[in-house]
């Protein structure tokens, strides 16, 4: 047998174990590929987190679809559905108090998100330009407001003093701008290649054209994330409504939910329906809670893909 045949012949002994992969000393331990035990712990952890999130959501949905007998047999919240009925949702969305409150919340969320996003983008773009007028003092003032505020009573006196009490603007203007979101946008704008802006200025473009033609198209990810934050904040807002809106016809959905769940009181137009037990009060509470969760649950998956590119880039690289 030749030398070539001897080197290419298959060994008759047991197969040698695969070489053990050596860990790269330059990489942290948590970045290494986990073994079987690590994979099992990761799967168990993710399963537990999913159950902790989806379990209460399942109970809320099932209870909202249950009748009075099922809720009574379960002693309250229902885990295993028996009789499914959509009567709670039908009554809530039949044009009464909850329907009106839902439309109010949608309108406030849409208008407030647009106003807050536009103002935050303009403010962040101005502060991101090194040669902008008084950008350092203005930035210092904004940073101070992140840690210190006047308090609830001066804010209330200011809102009522300018005549916003009882108006929907009291839900939007007092918290229209988040300094944190402005800083995130500013950091993202600063990371845009300065060569693009310089070349646009050489071609004769002004600040407005640079903003709309260069900066905004490159910042869709971070703007989408910031808009989501504003939208969730406006949709979940109830404290300003409790302070400034005394007319129940102007209440947003979150105030109706608070009235039902926390204070155990039905707003006007719903008391007779619940007191006569035509529909279980607990089912109505859970149905309103589901209606309050739907917009965020529907909107979040479309924006989630932008979180890594938009939010983290703007927050870390600044």
Protein backbone atom coordinates (compact mmCIF):
# COMPACT_ATOMS: atom_id res chain seq x y z
CA UNK A 1 0.00 0.00 0.00
CA UNK A 2 1.35 3.37 -1.00
CA UNK A 3 1.84 6.32 1.27
CA UNK A 4 -1.23 8.01 -0.22
CA UNK A 5 -3.39 4.96 0.43
CA UNK A 6 -2.17 4.74 4.01
CA UNK A 7 -3.04 8.38 4.71
CA UNK A 8 -6.50 8.19 3.15
CA UNK A 9 -7.55 4.86 4.63
CA UNK A 10 -10.44 4.91 7.11
CA UNK A 11 -9.34 3.97 10.65
CA UNK A 12 -10.84 0.79 11.99
CA UNK A 13 -10.87 1.94 15.63
CA UNK A 14 -13.62 3.94 17.40
CA UNK A 15 -14.33 7.42 16.06
CA UNK A 16 -12.41 10.16 17.77
CA UNK A 17 -14.55 12.64 19.75
CA UNK A 18 -14.94 16.06 18.15
CA UNK A 19 -12.45 18.60 19.41
CA UNK A 20 -13.68 20.70 22.27
CA UNK A 21 -14.43 24.24 21.27
CA UNK A 22 -12.22 26.68 23.09
CA UNK A 23 -13.78 29.79 24.49
CA UNK A 24 -12.65 33.07 23.04
CA UNK A 25 -11.04 34.92 25.94
CA UNK A 26 -11.79 38.26 24.30
CA UNK A 27 -15.57 37.73 24.49
CA UNK A 28 -17.61 37.99 27.72
CA UNK A 29 -19.01 34.80 29.19
CA UNK A 30 -22.63 35.82 28.52
CA UNK A 31 -21.91 36.12 24.77
CA UNK A 32 -20.78 32.50 24.46
CA UNK A 33 -23.11 29.91 22.96
CA UNK A 34 -24.90 28.20 25.87
CA UNK A 35 -24.72 24.46 26.41
CA UNK A 36 -27.62 22.07 26.90
CA UNK A 37 -28.22 23.18 30.47
CA UNK A 38 -28.15 26.80 29.44
CA UNK A 39 -30.54 26.15 26.55
CA UNK A 40 -32.93 24.37 28.90
CA UNK A 41 -32.84 27.19 31.45
CA UNK A 42 -33.38 29.75 28.71
CA UNK A 43 -36.38 27.85 27.37
CA UNK A 44 -37.86 27.44 30.85
CA UNK A 45 -37.36 31.13 31.62
CA UNK A 46 -38.99 32.26 28.37
CA UNK A 47 -41.87 29.86 28.94
CA UNK A 48 -42.41 31.21 32.43
CA UNK A 49 -42.34 34.81 31.21
CA UNK A 50 -44.85 34.03 28.45
CA UNK A 51 -47.18 32.30 30.92
CA UNK A 52 -46.89 35.23 33.33
CA UNK A 53 -47.93 37.61 30.54
CA UNK A 54 -50.50 35.52 28.68
CA UNK A 55 -52.08 33.94 31.78
CA UNK A 56 -53.70 37.10 33.18
CA UNK A 57 -54.65 38.18 29.66
CA UNK A 58 -56.40 34.86 29.11
CA UNK A 59 -58.33 35.22 32.38
CA UNK A 60 -59.43 38.76 31.47
CA UNK A 61 -60.64 37.74 27.99
CA UNK A 62 -62.43 34.59 29.18
CA UNK A 63 -64.16 36.46 32.02
CA UNK A 64 -65.36 39.16 29.63
CA UNK A 65 -66.96 36.44 27.47
CA UNK A 66 -68.68 34.62 30.36
CA UNK A 67 -72.24 34.88 31.63
CA UNK A 68 -73.39 35.43 35.19
CA UNK A 69 -73.75 31.74 36.03
CA UNK A 70 -70.22 30.89 34.89
CA UNK A 71 -68.76 33.78 36.89
CA UNK A 72 -70.74 32.77 39.96
CA UNK A 73 -69.62 29.13 39.71
CA UNK A 74 -65.99 30.23 39.32
CA UNK A 75 -66.24 32.55 42.31
CA UNK A 76 -65.10 35.56 40.29
CA UNK A 77 -62.50 35.43 37.55
CA UNK A 78 -63.00 32.60 35.06
CA UNK A 79 -60.13 30.40 33.90
CA UNK A 80 -61.95 27.65 32.01
CA UNK A 81 -64.72 28.97 29.72
CA UNK A 82 -68.10 27.25 29.73
CA UNK A 83 -70.63 29.50 28.06
CA UNK A 84 -69.33 32.10 25.60
CA UNK A 85 -71.35 35.28 25.12
CA UNK A 86 -70.44 38.58 23.47
CA UNK A 87 -73.23 40.49 25.17
CA UNK A 88 -70.87 42.65 27.21
CA UNK A 89 -69.06 43.84 24.09
CA UNK A 90 -72.32 44.33 22.21
CA UNK A 91 -73.72 46.56 24.92
CA UNK A 92 -70.49 48.49 25.36
CA UNK A 93 -70.11 49.21 21.64
CA UNK A 94 -73.79 49.97 20.99
CA UNK A 95 -73.23 53.73 20.96
CA UNK A 96 -73.28 54.48 24.68
CA UNK A 97 -70.77 55.75 27.19
CA UNK A 98 -67.93 53.37 26.31
CA UNK A 99 -68.24 54.00 22.57
CA UNK A 100 -68.04 57.75 23.11
CA UNK A 101 -65.09 57.37 25.49
CA UNK A 102 -63.27 55.16 22.98
CA UNK A 103 -63.69 57.76 20.23
CA UNK A 104 -62.44 60.46 22.62
CA UNK A 105 -59.35 58.41 23.46
CA UNK A 106 -58.63 57.70 19.79
CA UNK A 107 -58.94 61.39 18.88
CA UNK A 108 -56.75 62.51 21.79
CA UNK A 109 -54.14 59.89 20.95
CA UNK A 110 -54.01 60.84 17.27
CA UNK A 111 -53.88 64.61 17.78
CA UNK A 112 -51.55 64.45 20.77
CA UNK A 113 -49.12 62.05 19.09
CA UNK A 114 -48.85 64.24 16.00
CA UNK A 115 -48.29 67.42 18.03
CA UNK A 116 -45.76 65.83 20.41
CA UNK A 117 -43.81 64.12 17.63
CA UNK A 118 -43.60 67.25 15.47
CA UNK A 119 -42.50 69.49 18.36
CA UNK A 120 -39.97 66.91 19.61
CA UNK A 121 -38.45 66.45 16.14
CA UNK A 122 -38.11 70.19 15.58
CA UNK A 123 -36.64 70.74 19.04
CA UNK A 124 -34.21 67.83 18.73
CA UNK A 125 -33.05 68.86 15.26
CA UNK A 126 -32.35 72.41 16.42
CA UNK A 127 -30.42 71.17 19.46
CA UNK A 128 -28.41 68.72 17.33
CA UNK A 129 -26.92 71.51 15.17
CA UNK A 130 -23.72 72.84 16.84
CA UNK A 131 -24.18 76.35 15.47
CA UNK A 132 -27.84 76.77 16.39
CA UNK A 133 -28.84 79.80 18.45
CA UNK A 134 -28.56 79.25 22.22
CA UNK A 135 -28.72 75.48 21.83
CA UNK A 136 -26.55 74.83 24.91
CA UNK A 137 -28.57 76.97 27.37
CA UNK A 138 -31.82 75.55 26.00
CA UNK A 139 -30.46 72.01 26.35
CA UNK A 140 -29.45 72.76 29.96
CA UNK A 141 -32.94 74.04 30.76
CA UNK A 142 -34.49 70.90 29.29
CA UNK A 143 -32.15 68.67 31.30
CA UNK A 144 -33.09 70.48 34.52
CA UNK A 145 -36.79 69.79 33.91
CA UNK A 146 -36.05 66.05 33.83
CA UNK A 147 -35.08 66.12 37.51
CA UNK A 148 -37.07 69.04 38.92
CA UNK A 149 -40.64 70.17 38.34
CA UNK A 150 -42.95 72.71 39.88
CA UNK A 151 -45.30 70.13 41.37
CA UNK A 152 -48.95 69.27 41.04
CA UNK A 153 -50.51 72.39 42.57
CA UNK A 154 -48.58 74.97 40.46
CA UNK A 155 -49.29 72.89 37.36
CA UNK A 156 -53.00 72.81 38.20
CA UNK A 157 -53.06 76.55 38.83
CA UNK A 158 -51.29 77.17 35.52
CA UNK A 159 -53.67 74.98 33.51
CA UNK A 160 -56.74 76.50 35.11
CA UNK A 161 -55.29 80.00 34.91
CA UNK A 162 -54.90 79.88 31.12
CA UNK A 163 -58.45 78.58 30.74
CA UNK A 164 -57.76 74.96 29.78
CA UNK A 165 -59.91 73.40 32.50
CA UNK A 166 -62.75 71.43 30.94
CA UNK A 167 -61.00 71.45 27.56
CA UNK A 168 -59.39 68.54 25.72
CA UNK A 169 -56.23 70.65 25.38
CA UNK A 170 -55.64 70.07 29.09
CA UNK A 171 -54.99 66.44 28.16
CA UNK A 172 -52.39 67.33 25.52
CA UNK A 173 -50.52 70.57 26.16
CA UNK A 174 -49.24 70.08 29.77
CA UNK A 175 -47.26 66.98 28.77
CA UNK A 176 -46.85 67.52 25.05
CA UNK A 177 -43.05 67.14 25.04
CA UNK A 178 -40.96 64.48 26.75
CA UNK A 179 -37.38 65.62 27.34
CA UNK A 180 -36.18 62.02 27.24
CA UNK A 181 -37.61 61.55 23.76
CA UNK A 182 -36.06 64.84 22.64
CA UNK A 183 -32.65 63.69 23.85
CA UNK A 184 -33.00 60.36 22.07
CA UNK A 185 -33.94 62.10 18.82
CA UNK A 186 -31.10 64.60 19.24
CA UNK A 187 -28.55 61.82 19.73
CA UNK A 188 -29.83 60.03 16.64
CA UNK A 189 -29.68 63.20 14.54
CA UNK A 190 -26.09 63.81 15.68
CA UNK A 191 -25.08 60.37 14.41
CA UNK A 192 -26.12 61.18 10.85
CA UNK A 193 -23.05 61.58 8.65
CA UNK A 194 -22.16 65.28 8.57
CA UNK A 195 -20.94 64.87 4.99
CA UNK A 196 -24.55 64.47 3.83
CA UNK A 197 -25.62 67.71 5.46
CA UNK A 198 -22.52 69.57 4.27
CA UNK A 199 -23.05 68.43 0.69
CA UNK A 200 -26.68 69.53 0.85
CA UNK A 201 -25.63 72.97 2.10
CA UNK A 202 -23.15 73.27 -0.75
CA UNK A 203 -26.00 72.55 -3.16
CA UNK A 204 -27.95 75.43 -1.61
CA UNK A 205 -30.35 73.52 0.69
CA UNK A 206 -31.58 75.27 3.80
CA UNK A 207 -32.33 73.80 7.22
CA UNK A 208 -35.95 72.97 6.40
CA UNK A 209 -35.03 71.14 3.20
CA UNK A 210 -32.21 69.28 4.96
CA UNK A 211 -34.62 68.24 7.70
CA UNK A 212 -37.35 66.97 5.36
CA UNK A 213 -35.17 65.56 2.56
CA UNK A 214 -32.24 64.06 4.48
CA UNK A 215 -32.73 63.84 8.24
CA UNK A 216 -36.30 62.58 8.44
CA UNK A 217 -35.96 59.81 5.80
CA UNK A 218 -32.90 58.50 7.66
CA UNK A 219 -34.67 58.68 11.04
CA UNK A 220 -37.85 56.72 10.36
CA UNK A 221 -36.95 54.06 12.93
CA UNK A 222 -36.38 56.37 15.90
CA UNK A 223 -39.37 58.56 14.98
CA UNK A 224 -41.59 55.48 14.84
CA UNK A 225 -40.45 54.40 18.31
CA UNK A 226 -40.87 57.86 19.82
CA UNK A 227 -44.32 58.15 18.24
CA UNK A 228 -45.26 54.82 19.80
CA UNK A 229 -44.17 56.06 23.22
CA UNK A 230 -46.26 59.19 22.84
CA UNK A 231 -49.26 57.23 21.56
CA UNK A 232 -49.17 54.78 24.47
CA UNK A 233 -48.86 57.67 26.90
CA UNK A 234 -51.88 59.52 25.49
CA UNK A 235 -53.94 56.34 25.22
CA UNK A 236 -53.24 55.38 28.84
CA UNK A 237 -53.73 58.89 30.24
CA UNK A 238 -56.37 59.33 32.92
CA UNK A 239 -54.88 61.54 35.65
CA UNK A 240 -55.27 64.80 33.71
CA UNK A 241 -58.83 63.81 32.86
CA UNK A 242 -59.58 63.31 36.55
CA UNK A 243 -58.16 66.75 37.35
CA UNK A 244 -59.46 68.90 34.51
CA UNK A 245 -62.47 67.16 32.92
CA UNK A 246 -65.52 67.29 35.18
CA UNK A 247 -67.99 66.43 32.43
CA UNK A 248 -68.34 62.65 32.11
CA UNK A 249 -69.29 63.02 28.45
CA UNK A 250 -65.70 64.15 27.79
CA UNK A 251 -64.01 61.34 29.68
CA UNK A 252 -61.57 59.09 27.79
CA UNK A 253 -61.76 55.31 27.96
CA UNK A 254 -59.23 55.03 30.77
CA UNK A 255 -61.42 57.12 33.07
CA UNK A 256 -64.37 54.80 32.38
CA UNK A 257 -62.13 51.85 33.18
CA UNK A 258 -61.00 53.48 36.41
CA UNK A 259 -64.60 54.21 37.38
CA UNK A 260 -65.59 50.59 36.81
CA UNK A 261 -62.60 48.69 38.19
CA UNK A 262 -61.22 50.85 40.98
CA UNK A 263 -64.21 52.80 42.29
CA UNK A 264 -66.70 50.00 41.48
CA UNK A 265 -69.10 52.55 40.04
CA UNK A 266 -70.81 52.47 36.67
CA UNK A 267 -70.81 55.74 34.70
CA UNK A 268 -74.02 57.30 33.53
CA UNK A 269 -75.83 55.17 30.97
CA UNK A 270 -74.43 51.89 32.29
CA UNK A 271 -75.72 51.72 35.85
CA UNK A 272 -79.14 50.25 35.03
CA UNK A 273 -77.68 47.66 32.72
CA UNK A 274 -75.33 46.38 35.45
CA UNK A 275 -77.57 46.82 38.48
CA UNK A 276 -80.33 44.71 36.94
CA UNK A 277 -77.69 42.01 36.24
CA UNK A 278 -78.62 41.80 32.59
CA UNK A 279 -74.87 41.65 32.09
CA UNK A 280 -72.40 40.68 34.85
CA UNK A 281 -70.58 43.67 36.21
CA UNK A 282 -67.29 41.77 36.28
CA UNK A 283 -67.69 40.83 32.62
CA UNK A 284 -68.24 44.50 31.75
CA UNK A 285 -65.11 45.49 33.67
CA UNK A 286 -63.02 42.89 31.86
CA UNK A 287 -64.52 43.85 28.50
CA UNK A 288 -63.58 47.50 28.98
CA UNK A 289 -60.08 46.36 29.95
CA UNK A 290 -59.79 44.33 26.75
CA UNK A 291 -60.95 47.31 24.68
CA UNK A 292 -58.26 49.43 26.34
CA UNK A 293 -55.57 46.87 25.46
CA UNK A 294 -56.48 46.30 21.81
CA UNK A 295 -54.95 49.45 20.20
CA UNK A 296 -51.57 49.00 21.89
CA UNK A 297 -51.51 45.26 21.13
CA UNK A 298 -52.31 45.93 17.47
CA UNK A 299 -49.87 48.83 17.05
CA UNK A 300 -46.86 47.41 18.89
CA UNK A 301 -45.90 44.57 16.45
CA UNK A 302 -45.60 47.06 13.58
CA UNK A 303 -43.15 49.25 15.52
CA UNK A 304 -41.28 46.56 17.45
CA UNK A 305 -38.83 45.91 14.60
CA UNK A 306 -37.60 49.50 14.86
CA UNK A 307 -36.67 49.33 18.54
CA UNK A 308 -33.11 48.03 18.13
CA UNK A 309 -32.22 50.31 15.23
CA UNK A 310 -34.02 53.37 16.46
CA UNK A 311 -34.23 53.53 20.23
CA UNK A 312 -30.99 51.85 21.20
CA UNK A 313 -28.92 53.66 18.58
CA UNK A 314 -30.25 57.02 19.64
CA UNK A 315 -29.84 56.30 23.36
CA UNK A 316 -26.40 54.63 23.39
CA UNK A 317 -24.41 56.53 20.80
CA UNK A 318 -25.36 59.97 22.01
